[in-house]
Amino acid sequence: MHSIPPYPQCYSPCRESASGIYLRHSAARSAQGFALLEALVAIVVFAIGILGLVALQASMTRAQTAAQLRAEAGYLATELTGAMWADIGNIAQYASSSCSSYTRCSDWKAKVTAALPVGTSTVTVDTSTGDVTITIGWALPGGDTHQFVTATSIVAASASS
């Protein structure tokens, strides 16, 4: 009579059931759990990548908006400089203190307010030298304030003798 060994030889991990019979874990069953874990890790990595792309898109949109507003401020300053050159006889009227009573200047200030978020402008004119400084300010959503400052000299051409 052959004796039964107390523990059967298992080539894969064995465990004893409640009835005393040794059961083998199947390799396929263990692999299924590992595949599920791999899939979950892949989904997490993919989600982090998508969130990174969304953050990059938001950052690029903010940068594009800021660049557009800077360009608009530069255009408005150039527009006023051109108007002052064309109206050189009334250059003192463009100073911020006189601007609201002078139609060309008050119309330009209204453009600044309409074109830029929380748009403000200051114009300083030194009539003795013809030096003009134009400062345009605006605030981006979120509270960041910006300024565009330009300085130029506007002097009437002297008559040559």
N, C-alpha and C. Protein backbone atom coordinates (compact mmCIF):
# COMPACT_ATOMS: atom_id res chain seq x y z
N MET A 1 0.83 -1.16 0.00
CA MET A 1 0.00 0.00 0.00
C MET A 1 0.88 1.23 0.00
N HIS A 2 0.44 2.13 -0.79
CA HIS A 2 1.19 3.37 -0.91
C HIS A 2 0.73 4.36 0.12
N SER A 3 1.66 5.04 0.65
CA SER A 3 1.26 6.08 1.60
C SER A 3 1.12 7.42 0.87
N ILE A 4 0.16 8.17 1.27
CA ILE A 4 -0.09 9.48 0.66
C ILE A 4 0.72 10.51 1.44
N PRO A 5 1.51 11.24 0.72
CA PRO A 5 2.30 12.25 1.43
C PRO A 5 1.37 13.30 2.05
N PRO A 6 1.75 13.86 3.18
CA PRO A 6 0.87 14.82 3.85
C PRO A 6 0.64 16.08 3.01
N TYR A 7 1.59 16.46 2.22
CA TYR A 7 1.43 17.66 1.38
C TYR A 7 1.73 17.27 -0.05
N PRO A 8 0.81 17.47 -0.94
CA PRO A 8 1.10 17.13 -2.33
C PRO A 8 2.10 18.11 -2.90
N GLN A 9 2.83 17.66 -3.88
CA GLN A 9 3.78 18.55 -4.53
C GLN A 9 3.01 19.45 -5.48
N CYS A 10 3.20 20.72 -5.31
CA CYS A 10 2.54 21.69 -6.18
C CYS A 10 3.61 22.45 -6.92
N TYR A 11 3.37 22.64 -8.19
CA TYR A 11 4.31 23.42 -8.98
C TYR A 11 3.88 24.88 -9.06
N SER A 12 2.74 25.18 -8.53
CA SER A 12 2.30 26.56 -8.40
C SER A 12 1.85 26.71 -6.96
N PRO A 13 1.63 27.93 -6.48
CA PRO A 13 1.27 28.10 -5.07
C PRO A 13 0.02 27.28 -4.72
N CYS A 14 0.05 26.60 -3.57
CA CYS A 14 -1.07 25.78 -3.12
C CYS A 14 -1.66 26.36 -1.85
N ARG A 15 -2.92 26.08 -1.65
CA ARG A 15 -3.55 26.44 -0.39
C ARG A 15 -4.51 25.32 -0.02
N GLU A 16 -4.77 25.19 1.27
CA GLU A 16 -5.64 24.13 1.72
C GLU A 16 -7.06 24.67 1.84
N SER A 17 -8.02 23.94 1.31
CA SER A 17 -9.41 24.36 1.41
C SER A 17 -9.97 23.92 2.75
N ALA A 18 -11.21 24.29 3.03
CA ALA A 18 -11.85 23.94 4.30
C ALA A 18 -12.01 22.43 4.43
N SER A 19 -12.13 21.73 3.33
CA SER A 19 -12.32 20.29 3.38
C SER A 19 -11.00 19.53 3.49
N GLY A 20 -9.89 20.26 3.51
CA GLY A 20 -8.60 19.61 3.64
C GLY A 20 -7.97 19.27 2.31
N ILE A 21 -8.59 19.60 1.21
CA ILE A 21 -8.04 19.32 -0.10
C ILE A 21 -7.17 20.50 -0.51
N TYR A 22 -6.02 20.19 -1.06
CA TYR A 22 -5.12 21.25 -1.51
C TYR A 22 -5.54 21.72 -2.89
N LEU A 23 -5.64 23.02 -3.03
CA LEU A 23 -6.04 23.60 -4.31
C LEU A 23 -4.88 24.39 -4.88
N ARG A 24 -4.77 24.36 -6.17
CA ARG A 24 -3.73 25.14 -6.83
C ARG A 24 -4.34 26.45 -7.35
N HIS A 25 -3.57 27.53 -7.20
CA HIS A 25 -3.96 28.81 -7.82
C HIS A 25 -3.62 28.73 -9.28
N SER A 26 -4.53 29.13 -10.10
CA SER A 26 -4.20 29.10 -11.52
C SER A 26 -3.41 30.35 -11.88
N ALA A 27 -2.46 30.20 -12.75
CA ALA A 27 -1.63 31.32 -13.19
C ALA A 27 -2.47 32.32 -13.97
N ALA A 28 -3.47 31.83 -14.69
CA ALA A 28 -4.32 32.72 -15.49
C ALA A 28 -5.11 33.66 -14.57
N ARG A 29 -5.58 33.13 -13.45
CA ARG A 29 -6.36 33.96 -12.53
C ARG A 29 -5.49 35.07 -11.94
N SER A 30 -4.27 34.77 -11.59
CA SER A 30 -3.35 35.79 -11.07
C SER A 30 -3.03 36.82 -12.14
N ALA A 31 -2.88 36.36 -13.37
CA ALA A 31 -2.57 37.29 -14.47
C ALA A 31 -3.74 38.23 -14.72
N GLN A 32 -4.97 37.76 -14.53
CA GLN A 32 -6.12 38.63 -14.75
C GLN A 32 -6.11 39.79 -13.76
N GLY A 33 -5.79 39.56 -12.56
CA GLY A 33 -5.71 40.63 -11.58
C GLY A 33 -4.60 41.62 -11.90
N PHE A 34 -3.48 41.10 -12.38
CA PHE A 34 -2.37 41.97 -12.75
C PHE A 34 -2.72 42.81 -13.98
N ALA A 35 -3.43 42.23 -14.92
CA ALA A 35 -3.85 42.98 -16.12
C ALA A 35 -4.79 44.11 -15.72
N LEU A 36 -5.66 43.85 -14.77
CA LEU A 36 -6.58 44.90 -14.31
C LEU A 36 -5.80 46.04 -13.66
N LEU A 37 -4.81 45.70 -12.87
CA LEU A 37 -3.97 46.71 -12.24
C LEU A 37 -3.21 47.52 -13.29
N GLU A 38 -2.68 46.85 -14.31
CA GLU A 38 -2.00 47.56 -15.39
C GLU A 38 -2.94 48.52 -16.11
N ALA A 39 -4.16 48.08 -16.35
CA ALA A 39 -5.15 48.94 -17.02
C ALA A 39 -5.47 50.16 -16.18
N LEU A 40 -5.62 49.99 -14.88
CA LEU A 40 -5.91 51.13 -14.00
C LEU A 40 -4.75 52.12 -13.99
N VAL A 41 -3.53 51.63 -13.94
CA VAL A 41 -2.36 52.52 -13.97
C VAL A 41 -2.31 53.26 -15.30
N ALA A 42 -2.60 52.57 -16.39
CA ALA A 42 -2.59 53.22 -17.71
C ALA A 42 -3.66 54.32 -17.78
N ILE A 43 -4.82 54.07 -17.21
CA ILE A 43 -5.89 55.09 -17.21
C ILE A 43 -5.46 56.30 -16.39
N VAL A 44 -4.83 56.08 -15.25
CA VAL A 44 -4.36 57.20 -14.42
C VAL A 44 -3.31 58.02 -15.16
N VAL A 45 -2.36 57.36 -15.80
CA VAL A 45 -1.32 58.07 -16.56
C VAL A 45 -1.95 58.87 -17.70
N PHE A 46 -2.90 58.27 -18.40
CA PHE A 46 -3.59 58.96 -19.49
C PHE A 46 -4.35 60.18 -18.97
N ALA A 47 -5.05 60.03 -17.84
CA ALA A 47 -5.81 61.15 -17.27
C ALA A 47 -4.88 62.29 -16.87
N ILE A 48 -3.74 61.98 -16.30
CA ILE A 48 -2.78 63.02 -15.93
C ILE A 48 -2.27 63.74 -17.18
N GLY A 49 -2.03 63.00 -18.24
CA GLY A 49 -1.61 63.61 -19.50
C GLY A 49 -2.66 64.54 -20.07
N ILE A 50 -3.91 64.12 -20.03
CA ILE A 50 -5.01 64.97 -20.52
C ILE A 50 -5.13 66.23 -19.67
N LEU A 51 -5.02 66.11 -18.36
CA LEU A 51 -5.08 67.29 -17.49
C LEU A 51 -3.92 68.25 -17.79
N GLY A 52 -2.76 67.71 -18.08
CA GLY A 52 -1.62 68.54 -18.47
C GLY A 52 -1.89 69.30 -19.75
N LEU A 53 -2.49 68.64 -20.73
CA LEU A 53 -2.83 69.30 -21.99
C LEU A 53 -3.87 70.40 -21.80
N VAL A 54 -4.84 70.15 -20.94
CA VAL A 54 -5.86 71.17 -20.65
C VAL A 54 -5.21 72.38 -19.98
N ALA A 55 -4.31 72.15 -19.05
CA ALA A 55 -3.61 73.26 -18.38
C ALA A 55 -2.75 74.03 -19.37
N LEU A 56 -2.09 73.34 -20.28
CA LEU A 56 -1.28 74.00 -21.31
C LEU A 56 -2.16 74.86 -22.21
N GLN A 57 -3.31 74.35 -22.59
CA GLN A 57 -4.23 75.11 -23.44
C GLN A 57 -4.70 76.37 -22.71
N ALA A 58 -5.03 76.26 -21.44
CA ALA A 58 -5.46 77.43 -20.67
C ALA A 58 -4.35 78.47 -20.58
N SER A 59 -3.13 78.01 -20.36
CA SER A 59 -1.99 78.92 -20.28
C SER A 59 -1.76 79.63 -21.60
N MET A 60 -1.85 78.91 -22.70
CA MET A 60 -1.66 79.51 -24.02
C MET A 60 -2.76 80.52 -24.34
N THR A 61 -3.98 80.25 -23.90
CA THR A 61 -5.08 81.19 -24.13
C THR A 61 -4.84 82.48 -23.36
N ARG A 62 -4.37 82.37 -22.11
CA ARG A 62 -4.06 83.57 -21.32
C ARG A 62 -2.94 84.37 -21.98
N ALA A 63 -1.91 83.69 -22.46
CA ALA A 63 -0.79 84.38 -23.10
C ALA A 63 -1.24 85.08 -24.39
N GLN A 64 -2.11 84.43 -25.14
CA GLN A 64 -2.60 85.01 -26.39
C GLN A 64 -3.46 86.24 -26.09
N THR A 65 -4.28 86.18 -25.06
CA THR A 65 -5.11 87.32 -24.68
C THR A 65 -4.24 88.49 -24.24
N ALA A 66 -3.21 88.22 -23.45
CA ALA A 66 -2.31 89.28 -22.99
C ALA A 66 -1.59 89.93 -24.17
N ALA A 67 -1.15 89.13 -25.13
CA ALA A 67 -0.46 89.67 -26.31
C ALA A 67 -1.40 90.52 -27.15
N GLN A 68 -2.64 90.08 -27.28
CA GLN A 68 -3.62 90.84 -28.05
C GLN A 68 -3.89 92.20 -27.40
N LEU A 69 -3.99 92.23 -26.08
CA LEU A 69 -4.24 93.50 -25.38
C LEU A 69 -3.03 94.43 -25.47
N ARG A 70 -1.82 93.88 -25.40
CA ARG A 70 -0.62 94.72 -25.58
C ARG A 70 -0.59 95.34 -26.97
N ALA A 71 -0.93 94.56 -27.97
CA ALA A 71 -0.95 95.08 -29.34
C ALA A 71 -2.02 96.16 -29.49
N GLU A 72 -3.16 95.96 -28.88
CA GLU A 72 -4.24 96.96 -28.94
C GLU A 72 -3.80 98.26 -28.26
N ALA A 73 -3.13 98.15 -27.12
CA ALA A 73 -2.64 99.35 -26.43
C ALA A 73 -1.62 100.09 -27.29
N GLY A 74 -0.73 99.36 -27.93
CA GLY A 74 0.25 99.98 -28.83
C GLY A 74 -0.42 100.68 -29.99
N TYR A 75 -1.43 100.05 -30.55
CA TYR A 75 -2.17 100.66 -31.66
C TYR A 75 -2.85 101.95 -31.21
N LEU A 76 -3.48 101.92 -30.04
CA LEU A 76 -4.18 103.11 -29.55
C LEU A 76 -3.20 104.26 -29.30
N ALA A 77 -2.03 103.96 -28.76
CA ALA A 77 -1.02 105.00 -28.53
C ALA A 77 -0.54 105.59 -29.85
N THR A 78 -0.33 104.74 -30.84
CA THR A 78 0.09 105.21 -32.16
C THR A 78 -1.00 106.05 -32.81
N GLU A 79 -2.23 105.65 -32.63
CA GLU A 79 -3.36 106.41 -33.18
C GLU A 79 -3.40 107.82 -32.59
N LEU A 80 -3.22 107.94 -31.28
CA LEU A 80 -3.24 109.26 -30.66
C LEU A 80 -2.04 110.09 -31.11
N THR A 81 -0.89 109.47 -31.22
CA THR A 81 0.30 110.20 -31.69
C THR A 81 0.05 110.76 -33.09
N GLY A 82 -0.54 109.98 -33.96
CA GLY A 82 -0.87 110.45 -35.31
C GLY A 82 -1.86 111.60 -35.29
N ALA A 83 -2.87 111.49 -34.42
CA ALA A 83 -3.86 112.56 -34.31
C ALA A 83 -3.21 113.85 -33.81
N MET A 84 -2.27 113.72 -32.89
CA MET A 84 -1.58 114.90 -32.36
C MET A 84 -0.70 115.54 -33.44
N TRP A 85 -0.04 114.72 -34.25
CA TRP A 85 0.77 115.26 -35.35
C TRP A 85 -0.13 116.02 -36.34
N ALA A 86 -1.29 115.47 -36.61
CA ALA A 86 -2.20 116.12 -37.57
C ALA A 86 -2.83 117.38 -37.00
N ASP A 87 -2.86 117.49 -35.68
CA ASP A 87 -3.51 118.63 -35.01
C ASP A 87 -2.49 119.35 -34.12
N ILE A 88 -1.30 119.58 -34.65
CA ILE A 88 -0.18 120.10 -33.86
C ILE A 88 -0.46 121.46 -33.23
N GLY A 89 -1.33 122.23 -33.83
CA GLY A 89 -1.66 123.55 -33.28
C GLY A 89 -2.42 123.47 -31.97
N ASN A 90 -3.09 122.36 -31.72
CA ASN A 90 -3.87 122.18 -30.48
C ASN A 90 -3.26 121.10 -29.58
N ILE A 91 -1.96 120.92 -29.65
CA ILE A 91 -1.32 119.83 -28.92
C ILE A 91 -1.53 119.93 -27.40
N ALA A 92 -1.63 121.12 -26.87
CA ALA A 92 -1.83 121.28 -25.42
C ALA A 92 -3.19 120.73 -24.99
N GLN A 93 -4.15 120.66 -25.90
CA GLN A 93 -5.50 120.16 -25.57
C GLN A 93 -5.51 118.65 -25.30
N TYR A 94 -4.45 117.97 -25.69
CA TYR A 94 -4.39 116.51 -25.51
C TYR A 94 -3.89 116.10 -24.13
N ALA A 95 -3.41 117.05 -23.35
CA ALA A 95 -2.97 116.72 -21.98
C ALA A 95 -4.17 116.20 -21.19
N SER A 96 -3.93 115.28 -20.28
CA SER A 96 -5.02 114.64 -19.54
C SER A 96 -5.92 115.63 -18.84
N SER A 97 -5.37 116.75 -18.35
CA SER A 97 -6.21 117.72 -17.64
C SER A 97 -7.19 118.41 -18.59
N SER A 98 -6.84 118.57 -19.86
CA SER A 98 -7.70 119.26 -20.83
C SER A 98 -8.45 118.30 -21.73
N CYS A 99 -8.15 117.05 -21.66
CA CYS A 99 -8.62 116.07 -22.64
C CYS A 99 -10.14 115.93 -22.69
N SER A 100 -10.79 115.96 -21.55
CA SER A 100 -12.24 115.72 -21.55
C SER A 100 -13.01 116.82 -22.27
N SER A 101 -12.45 118.02 -22.35
CA SER A 101 -13.15 119.10 -23.03
C SER A 101 -12.81 119.18 -24.52
N TYR A 102 -11.82 118.42 -24.96
CA TYR A 102 -11.42 118.44 -26.37
C TYR A 102 -11.94 117.16 -27.04
N THR A 103 -12.78 117.32 -28.04
CA THR A 103 -13.50 116.20 -28.64
C THR A 103 -12.59 115.09 -29.15
N ARG A 104 -11.55 115.43 -29.88
CA ARG A 104 -10.67 114.39 -30.44
C ARG A 104 -10.04 113.54 -29.33
N CYS A 105 -9.63 114.19 -28.28
CA CYS A 105 -8.99 113.47 -27.18
C CYS A 105 -10.00 112.66 -26.37
N SER A 106 -11.16 113.24 -26.10
CA SER A 106 -12.17 112.51 -25.31
C SER A 106 -12.70 111.30 -26.10
N ASP A 107 -12.80 111.42 -27.43
CA ASP A 107 -13.20 110.27 -28.24
C ASP A 107 -12.15 109.16 -28.16
N TRP A 108 -10.87 109.55 -28.18
CA TRP A 108 -9.80 108.57 -28.07
C TRP A 108 -9.83 107.88 -26.71
N LYS A 109 -10.05 108.66 -25.65
CA LYS A 109 -10.13 108.06 -24.30
C LYS A 109 -11.29 107.06 -24.23
N ALA A 110 -12.40 107.39 -24.90
CA ALA A 110 -13.54 106.46 -24.93
C ALA A 110 -13.15 105.16 -25.65
N LYS A 111 -12.34 105.26 -26.70
CA LYS A 111 -11.86 104.06 -27.41
C LYS A 111 -11.01 103.19 -26.48
N VAL A 112 -10.15 103.84 -25.70
CA VAL A 112 -9.29 103.09 -24.77
C VAL A 112 -10.15 102.33 -23.77
N THR A 113 -11.15 103.02 -23.22
CA THR A 113 -12.02 102.39 -22.23
C THR A 113 -12.80 101.23 -22.84
N ALA A 114 -13.22 101.38 -24.10
CA ALA A 114 -14.00 100.32 -24.75
C ALA A 114 -13.13 99.15 -25.21
N ALA A 115 -11.91 99.42 -25.64
CA ALA A 115 -11.07 98.37 -26.23
C ALA A 115 -10.34 97.52 -25.20
N LEU A 116 -10.06 98.07 -24.03
CA LEU A 116 -9.26 97.35 -23.04
C LEU A 116 -10.07 97.12 -21.77
N PRO A 117 -9.91 95.97 -21.13
CA PRO A 117 -10.61 95.74 -19.87
C PRO A 117 -10.07 96.67 -18.78
N VAL A 118 -10.94 97.43 -18.18
CA VAL A 118 -10.59 98.44 -17.18
C VAL A 118 -9.52 99.37 -17.77
N GLY A 119 -9.76 99.82 -18.99
CA GLY A 119 -8.79 100.66 -19.69
C GLY A 119 -8.69 102.06 -19.12
N THR A 120 -7.47 102.53 -18.91
CA THR A 120 -7.21 103.89 -18.43
C THR A 120 -6.13 104.50 -19.31
N SER A 121 -6.10 105.83 -19.33
CA SER A 121 -5.05 106.49 -20.12
C SER A 121 -4.68 107.81 -19.49
N THR A 122 -3.42 108.16 -19.66
CA THR A 122 -2.89 109.44 -19.20
C THR A 122 -2.00 109.98 -20.31
N VAL A 123 -2.18 111.25 -20.62
CA VAL A 123 -1.36 111.90 -21.64
C VAL A 123 -0.70 113.11 -21.01
N THR A 124 0.62 113.19 -21.10
CA THR A 124 1.35 114.35 -20.59
C THR A 124 1.98 115.06 -21.78
N VAL A 125 1.80 116.36 -21.83
CA VAL A 125 2.34 117.15 -22.93
C VAL A 125 3.17 118.29 -22.35
N ASP A 126 4.43 118.37 -22.78
CA ASP A 126 5.28 119.51 -22.43
C ASP A 126 5.30 120.41 -23.67
N THR A 127 4.54 121.49 -23.61
CA THR A 127 4.39 122.35 -24.79
C THR A 127 5.67 123.09 -25.15
N SER A 128 6.56 123.28 -24.18
CA SER A 128 7.80 124.01 -24.49
C SER A 128 8.76 123.16 -25.33
N THR A 129 8.77 121.84 -25.10
CA THR A 129 9.69 120.97 -25.84
C THR A 129 8.97 120.09 -26.87
N GLY A 130 7.67 119.96 -26.72
CA GLY A 130 6.91 119.08 -27.62
C GLY A 130 6.97 117.62 -27.21
N ASP A 131 7.52 117.35 -26.01
CA ASP A 131 7.59 115.97 -25.53
C ASP A 131 6.21 115.50 -25.07
N VAL A 132 5.84 114.31 -25.51
CA VAL A 132 4.54 113.73 -25.18
C VAL A 132 4.77 112.34 -24.61
N THR A 133 4.11 112.05 -23.50
CA THR A 133 4.15 110.70 -22.93
C THR A 133 2.72 110.19 -22.83
N ILE A 134 2.49 109.02 -23.41
CA ILE A 134 1.16 108.40 -23.40
C ILE A 134 1.27 107.12 -22.58
N THR A 135 0.44 107.03 -21.55
CA THR A 135 0.41 105.83 -20.70
C THR A 135 -0.98 105.22 -20.80
N ILE A 136 -1.02 103.96 -21.17
CA ILE A 136 -2.29 103.24 -21.28
C ILE A 136 -2.22 102.06 -20.32
N GLY A 137 -3.24 101.91 -19.50
CA GLY A 137 -3.28 100.82 -18.53
C GLY A 137 -4.51 99.97 -18.70
N TRP A 138 -4.42 98.71 -18.28
CA TRP A 138 -5.57 97.80 -18.31
C TRP A 138 -5.34 96.71 -17.29
N ALA A 139 -6.41 96.02 -16.95
CA ALA A 139 -6.33 94.93 -15.98
C ALA A 139 -6.91 93.67 -16.61
N LEU A 140 -6.17 92.58 -16.49
CA LEU A 140 -6.64 91.29 -16.99
C LEU A 140 -7.56 90.66 -15.96
N PRO A 141 -8.45 89.78 -16.39
CA PRO A 141 -9.25 89.05 -15.41
C PRO A 141 -8.31 88.29 -14.47
N GLY A 142 -8.55 88.40 -13.21
CA GLY A 142 -7.65 87.80 -12.23
C GLY A 142 -6.81 88.84 -11.52
N GLY A 143 -6.91 90.10 -11.94
CA GLY A 143 -6.27 91.17 -11.21
C GLY A 143 -4.93 91.65 -11.70
N ASP A 144 -4.31 91.01 -12.68
CA ASP A 144 -3.01 91.47 -13.18
C ASP A 144 -3.19 92.77 -13.94
N THR A 145 -2.46 93.82 -13.52
CA THR A 145 -2.55 95.10 -14.22
C THR A 145 -1.31 95.28 -15.09
N HIS A 146 -1.52 95.93 -16.22
CA HIS A 146 -0.44 96.14 -17.18
C HIS A 146 -0.47 97.58 -17.65
N GLN A 147 0.69 98.05 -18.14
CA GLN A 147 0.81 99.40 -18.69
C GLN A 147 1.61 99.38 -19.97
N PHE A 148 1.21 100.24 -20.88
CA PHE A 148 1.98 100.48 -22.09
C PHE A 148 2.32 101.96 -22.07
N VAL A 149 3.60 102.29 -22.11
CA VAL A 149 4.04 103.68 -22.05
C VAL A 149 4.86 103.97 -23.30
N THR A 150 4.55 105.07 -23.94
CA THR A 150 5.34 105.50 -25.09
C THR A 150 5.61 106.99 -24.96
N ALA A 151 6.78 107.40 -25.40
CA ALA A 151 7.16 108.82 -25.34
C ALA A 151 7.67 109.23 -26.72
N THR A 152 7.31 110.42 -27.12
CA THR A 152 7.74 110.94 -28.42
C THR A 152 7.82 112.45 -28.36
N SER A 153 8.39 113.04 -29.36
CA SER A 153 8.43 114.50 -29.47
C SER A 153 7.63 114.91 -30.69
N ILE A 154 6.73 115.84 -30.48
CA ILE A 154 5.92 116.36 -31.58
C ILE A 154 6.20 117.85 -31.67
N VAL A 155 6.95 118.21 -32.68
CA VAL A 155 7.38 119.60 -32.84
C VAL A 155 7.04 120.03 -34.26
N ALA A 156 6.50 121.23 -34.37
CA ALA A 156 6.17 121.76 -35.70
C ALA A 156 7.45 122.01 -36.48
N ALA A 157 7.39 121.74 -37.75
CA ALA A 157 8.56 121.99 -38.61
C ALA A 157 8.82 123.48 -38.66
N SER A 158 10.09 123.84 -38.53
CA SER A 158 10.43 125.27 -38.56
C SER A 158 10.56 125.72 -40.01
N ALA A 159 10.17 126.96 -40.24
CA ALA A 159 10.26 127.52 -41.60
C ALA A 159 11.71 127.87 -41.88
N SER A 160 12.23 127.43 -42.99
CA SER A 160 13.62 127.74 -43.32
C SER A 160 13.68 129.06 -44.07
N SER A 161 14.73 129.84 -43.79
CA SER A 161 14.84 131.14 -44.42
C SER A 161 15.80 131.16 -45.56
